[in-house]
Amino acid sequence: MQLEKIQSYLKIGKSEGAEMHQSSSPVPKKGYWCRPTIFTGVSQSNRVVQEEIFGPVLAIQTFRREDEALVKANNTPYGLSGGVWTDKGSKIFKMTQDVRAGVVWANTFNKFDPTSPFGGYKESGVGREGGLHGLDAYVKLGV
């Protein structure tokens, strides 16, 4: 079902005018595989920008200033995770503080400390899992 959902988003991206880029490398015949996909030429209103796909799909948008990047990053109903890449340490602190997402990585992506809580923001997830915050619903301390 998830592969079908991802494939439907690939069709949506193309139908909305985005340029789709995929490797021509073969994928295994057995199993449920989707080639990593990049969309360029997307606007903020494109569904591949606005919706959570949960597949190897990346929509790339350009920006000129940091504030423009923040507006684009936060202009979605979802906020499970995000990432900031820069060579300036001060920009990392400013940007990661202002991105509205449950987890924001700096100069990396999807690296977890198992003692840290994980959860979304806005319409991405409810509550936290992992770390002490994630255990809170299952334990009664001080009894």
C-alpha atoms as a PDB file:
ATOM      1  CA  MET A   1       0.000   0.000   0.000  1.00  0.00           C
ATOM      2  CA  GLN A   2       2.806   2.438   0.837  1.00  0.00           C
ATOM      3  CA  LEU A   3       4.566   1.836  -2.471  1.00  0.00           C
ATOM      4  CA  GLU A   4       1.302   2.589  -4.293  1.00  0.00           C
ATOM      5  CA  LYS A   5       0.953   5.803  -2.270  1.00  0.00           C
ATOM      6  CA  ILE A   6       4.508   6.867  -3.143  1.00  0.00           C
ATOM      7  CA  GLN A   7       3.924   6.082  -6.821  1.00  0.00           C
ATOM      8  CA  SER A   8       0.737   8.153  -6.774  1.00  0.00           C
ATOM      9  CA  TYR A   9       2.740  11.108  -5.446  1.00  0.00           C
ATOM     10  CA  LEU A  10       5.272  10.675  -8.262  1.00  0.00           C
ATOM     11  CA  LYS A  11       2.378  11.010 -10.741  1.00  0.00           C
ATOM     12  CA  ILE A  12       0.977  13.989  -8.831  1.00  0.00           C
ATOM     13  CA  GLY A  13       4.359  15.737  -8.847  1.00  0.00           C
ATOM     14  CA  LYS A  14       4.686  15.335 -12.614  1.00  0.00           C
ATOM     15  CA  SER A  15       1.062  16.359 -13.243  1.00  0.00           C
ATOM     16  CA  GLU A  16       1.601  19.554 -11.231  1.00  0.00           C
ATOM     17  CA  GLY A  17       4.518  20.482 -13.487  1.00  0.00           C
ATOM     18  CA  ALA A  18       7.513  19.508 -11.358  1.00  0.00           C
ATOM     19  CA  GLU A  19      10.599  18.005 -13.001  1.00  0.00           C
ATOM     20  CA  MET A  20      11.186  14.479 -11.734  1.00  0.00           C
ATOM     21  CA  HIS A  21      14.721  13.089 -11.521  1.00  0.00           C
ATOM     22  CA  GLN A  22      15.426   9.419 -10.810  1.00  0.00           C
ATOM     23  CA  SER A  23      18.405   7.146 -11.209  1.00  0.00           C
ATOM     24  CA  SER A  24      18.215   4.660 -14.054  1.00  0.00           C
ATOM     25  CA  SER A  25      19.787   1.994 -11.832  1.00  0.00           C
ATOM     26  CA  PRO A  26      17.690  -1.134 -11.548  1.00  0.00           C
ATOM     27  CA  VAL A  27      15.849  -1.915  -8.332  1.00  0.00           C
ATOM     28  CA  PRO A  28      15.444  -5.467  -7.015  1.00  0.00           C
ATOM     29  CA  LYS A  29      12.640  -7.434  -8.647  1.00  0.00           C
ATOM     30  CA  LYS A  30      11.597  -8.964  -5.328  1.00  0.00           C
ATOM     31  CA  GLY A  31      10.084  -6.696  -2.690  1.00  0.00           C
ATOM     32  CA  TYR A  32       8.622  -3.200  -2.740  1.00  0.00           C
ATOM     33  CA  TRP A  33      11.177  -0.751  -4.096  1.00  0.00           C
ATOM     34  CA  CYS A  34      10.993   2.831  -5.259  1.00  0.00           C
ATOM     35  CA  ARG A  35      13.941   4.625  -6.788  1.00  0.00           C
ATOM     36  CA  PRO A  36      15.078   7.689  -4.855  1.00  0.00           C
ATOM     37  CA  THR A  37      13.344  10.634  -6.506  1.00  0.00           C
ATOM     38  CA  ILE A  38      14.055  14.356  -6.607  1.00  0.00           C
ATOM     39  CA  PHE A  39      11.540  16.962  -7.753  1.00  0.00           C
ATOM     40  CA  THR A  40      12.750  20.368  -8.934  1.00  0.00           C
ATOM     41  CA  GLY A  41      10.776  23.314 -10.244  1.00  0.00           C
ATOM     42  CA  VAL A  42       8.211  22.953  -7.464  1.00  0.00           C
ATOM     43  CA  SER A  43       6.219  25.723  -5.838  1.00  0.00           C
ATOM     44  CA  GLN A  44       4.994  25.961  -2.265  1.00  0.00           C
ATOM     45  CA  SER A  45       1.513  24.836  -3.317  1.00  0.00           C
ATOM     46  CA  ASN A  46       2.669  21.568  -4.948  1.00  0.00           C
ATOM     47  CA  ARG A  47       1.405  18.525  -3.065  1.00  0.00           C
ATOM     48  CA  VAL A  48       4.882  16.947  -3.070  1.00  0.00           C
ATOM     49  CA  VAL A  49       5.962  19.996  -1.026  1.00  0.00           C
ATOM     50  CA  GLN A  50       2.914  20.226   1.227  1.00  0.00           C
ATOM     51  CA  GLU A  51       2.180  16.588   2.112  1.00  0.00           C
ATOM     52  CA  GLU A  52       4.021  13.822   3.946  1.00  0.00           C
ATOM     53  CA  ILE A  53       4.990  11.115   1.443  1.00  0.00           C
ATOM     54  CA  PHE A  54       7.051   8.757   3.662  1.00  0.00           C
ATOM     55  CA  GLY A  55       9.162   7.532   0.774  1.00  0.00           C
ATOM     56  CA  PRO A  56      12.480   8.323  -0.893  1.00  0.00           C
ATOM     57  CA  VAL A  57      11.139  11.550  -2.417  1.00  0.00           C
ATOM     58  CA  LEU A  58      12.669  15.004  -2.044  1.00  0.00           C
ATOM     59  CA  ALA A  59      11.161  18.249  -3.341  1.00  0.00           C
ATOM     60  CA  ILE A  60      13.805  20.957  -3.736  1.00  0.00           C
ATOM     61  CA  GLN A  61      12.943  24.632  -3.442  1.00  0.00           C
ATOM     62  CA  THR A  62      15.304  27.552  -3.758  1.00  0.00           C
ATOM     63  CA  PHE A  63      15.521  30.644  -1.558  1.00  0.00           C
ATOM     64  CA  ARG A  64      17.578  33.820  -1.404  1.00  0.00           C
ATOM     65  CA  ARG A  65      17.436  34.755   2.289  1.00  0.00           C
ATOM     66  CA  GLU A  66      17.191  32.870   5.582  1.00  0.00           C
ATOM     67  CA  ASP A  67      13.801  34.366   6.422  1.00  0.00           C
ATOM     68  CA  GLU A  68      12.434  33.177   3.067  1.00  0.00           C
ATOM     69  CA  ALA A  69      13.708  29.655   3.790  1.00  0.00           C
ATOM     70  CA  LEU A  70      11.995  29.678   7.190  1.00  0.00           C
ATOM     71  CA  VAL A  71       8.682  30.822   5.708  1.00  0.00           C
ATOM     72  CA  LYS A  72       8.826  27.997   3.158  1.00  0.00           C
ATOM     73  CA  ALA A  73       9.875  25.394   5.726  1.00  0.00           C
ATOM     74  CA  ASN A  74       7.088  26.360   8.122  1.00  0.00           C
ATOM     75  CA  ASN A  75       4.366  26.844   5.481  1.00  0.00           C
ATOM     76  CA  THR A  76       3.012  23.315   5.647  1.00  0.00           C
ATOM     77  CA  PRO A  77       0.470  21.654   7.948  1.00  0.00           C
ATOM     78  CA  TYR A  78       3.076  19.077   8.937  1.00  0.00           C
ATOM     79  CA  GLY A  79       6.254  19.182  10.979  1.00  0.00           C
ATOM     80  CA  LEU A  80       7.612  15.743  11.770  1.00  0.00           C
ATOM     81  CA  SER A  81      11.247  16.614  11.151  1.00  0.00           C
ATOM     82  CA  GLY A  82      13.522  19.007   9.325  1.00  0.00           C
ATOM     83  CA  GLY A  83      17.143  19.679   8.606  1.00  0.00           C
ATOM     84  CA  VAL A  84      19.380  22.709   8.244  1.00  0.00           C
ATOM     85  CA  TRP A  85      22.656  22.648   6.344  1.00  0.00           C
ATOM     86  CA  THR A  86      25.103  25.544   6.585  1.00  0.00           C
ATOM     87  CA  ASP A  87      28.759  26.292   7.186  1.00  0.00           C
ATOM     88  CA  LYS A  88      27.899  29.033   9.702  1.00  0.00           C
ATOM     89  CA  GLY A  89      27.368  27.925  13.293  1.00  0.00           C
ATOM     90  CA  SER A  90      25.345  31.032  14.164  1.00  0.00           C
ATOM     91  CA  LYS A  91      22.919  30.291  11.321  1.00  0.00           C
ATOM     92  CA  ILE A  92      22.395  26.768  12.638  1.00  0.00           C
ATOM     93  CA  PHE A  93      21.262  28.108  16.015  1.00  0.00           C
ATOM     94  CA  LYS A  94      18.962  30.728  14.484  1.00  0.00           C
ATOM     95  CA  MET A  95      17.397  28.430  11.890  1.00  0.00           C
ATOM     96  CA  THR A  96      16.945  25.334  14.059  1.00  0.00           C
ATOM     97  CA  GLN A  97      15.298  27.462  16.733  1.00  0.00           C
ATOM     98  CA  ASP A  98      12.740  28.830  14.265  1.00  0.00           C
ATOM     99  CA  VAL A  99      11.871  25.718  12.228  1.00  0.00           C
ATOM    100  CA  ARG A 100       8.544  24.393  13.522  1.00  0.00           C
ATOM    101  CA  ALA A 101       9.181  20.651  13.552  1.00  0.00           C
ATOM    102  CA  GLY A 102       9.359  17.923  16.182  1.00  0.00           C
ATOM    103  CA  VAL A 103      13.007  17.203  15.426  1.00  0.00           C
ATOM    104  CA  VAL A 104      15.446  19.460  13.574  1.00  0.00           C
ATOM    105  CA  TRP A 105      18.875  18.189  12.571  1.00  0.00           C
ATOM    106  CA  ALA A 106      21.900  20.363  11.799  1.00  0.00           C
ATOM    107  CA  ASN A 107      24.264  19.324   8.992  1.00  0.00           C
ATOM    108  CA  THR A 108      22.970  15.758   9.147  1.00  0.00           C
ATOM    109  CA  PHE A 109      19.638  13.978   8.913  1.00  0.00           C
ATOM    110  CA  ASN A 110      17.922  11.098  10.661  1.00  0.00           C
ATOM    111  CA  LYS A 111      20.602  10.613  13.335  1.00  0.00           C
ATOM    112  CA  PHE A 112      19.096   9.769  16.692  1.00  0.00           C
ATOM    113  CA  ASP A 113      20.242   9.624  20.250  1.00  0.00           C
ATOM    114  CA  PRO A 114      18.091   6.821  21.714  1.00  0.00           C
ATOM    115  CA  THR A 115      17.686   8.788  24.948  1.00  0.00           C
ATOM    116  CA  SER A 116      16.067  11.716  23.118  1.00  0.00           C
ATOM    117  CA  PRO A 117      12.306  11.928  22.613  1.00  0.00           C
ATOM    118  CA  PHE A 118      10.919  11.864  19.079  1.00  0.00           C
ATOM    119  CA  GLY A 119       7.616  13.226  17.855  1.00  0.00           C
ATOM    120  CA  GLY A 120       6.024  15.585  15.407  1.00  0.00           C
ATOM    121  CA  TYR A 121       4.630  19.073  15.420  1.00  0.00           C
ATOM    122  CA  LYS A 122       1.359  20.447  14.029  1.00  0.00           C
ATOM    123  CA  GLU A 123      -0.435  17.616  12.161  1.00  0.00           C
ATOM    124  CA  SER A 124       2.550  15.249  12.324  1.00  0.00           C
ATOM    125  CA  GLY A 125       2.077  12.831  15.131  1.00  0.00           C
ATOM    126  CA  VAL A 126       0.716  12.959  18.626  1.00  0.00           C
ATOM    127  CA  GLY A 127       2.921  12.845  21.690  1.00  0.00           C
ATOM    128  CA  ARG A 128       6.481  11.640  22.003  1.00  0.00           C
ATOM    129  CA  GLU A 129       8.222   8.295  21.841  1.00  0.00           C
ATOM    130  CA  GLY A 130      11.678   7.406  23.069  1.00  0.00           C
ATOM    131  CA  GLY A 131      13.642   8.929  25.901  1.00  0.00           C
ATOM    132  CA  LEU A 132      12.129   9.824  29.275  1.00  0.00           C
ATOM    133  CA  HIS A 133       9.295  11.770  27.613  1.00  0.00           C
ATOM    134  CA  GLY A 134       8.242   8.674  25.696  1.00  0.00           C
ATOM    135  CA  LEU A 135       8.252   6.506  28.814  1.00  0.00           C
ATOM    136  CA  ASP A 136       6.207   8.995  30.839  1.00  0.00           C
ATOM    137  CA  ALA A 137       2.859   7.558  29.711  1.00  0.00           C
ATOM    138  CA  TYR A 138       3.877   4.088  30.873  1.00  0.00           C
ATOM    139  CA  VAL A 139       5.314   4.738  34.322  1.00  0.00           C
ATOM    140  CA  LYS A 140       4.184   6.313  37.552  1.00  0.00           C
ATOM    141  CA  LEU A 141       7.135   7.871  39.309  1.00  0.00           C
ATOM    142  CA  GLY A 142       7.218   8.789  42.987  1.00  0.00           C
ATOM    143  CA  VAL A 143       4.711   6.194  44.174  1.00  0.00           C
END
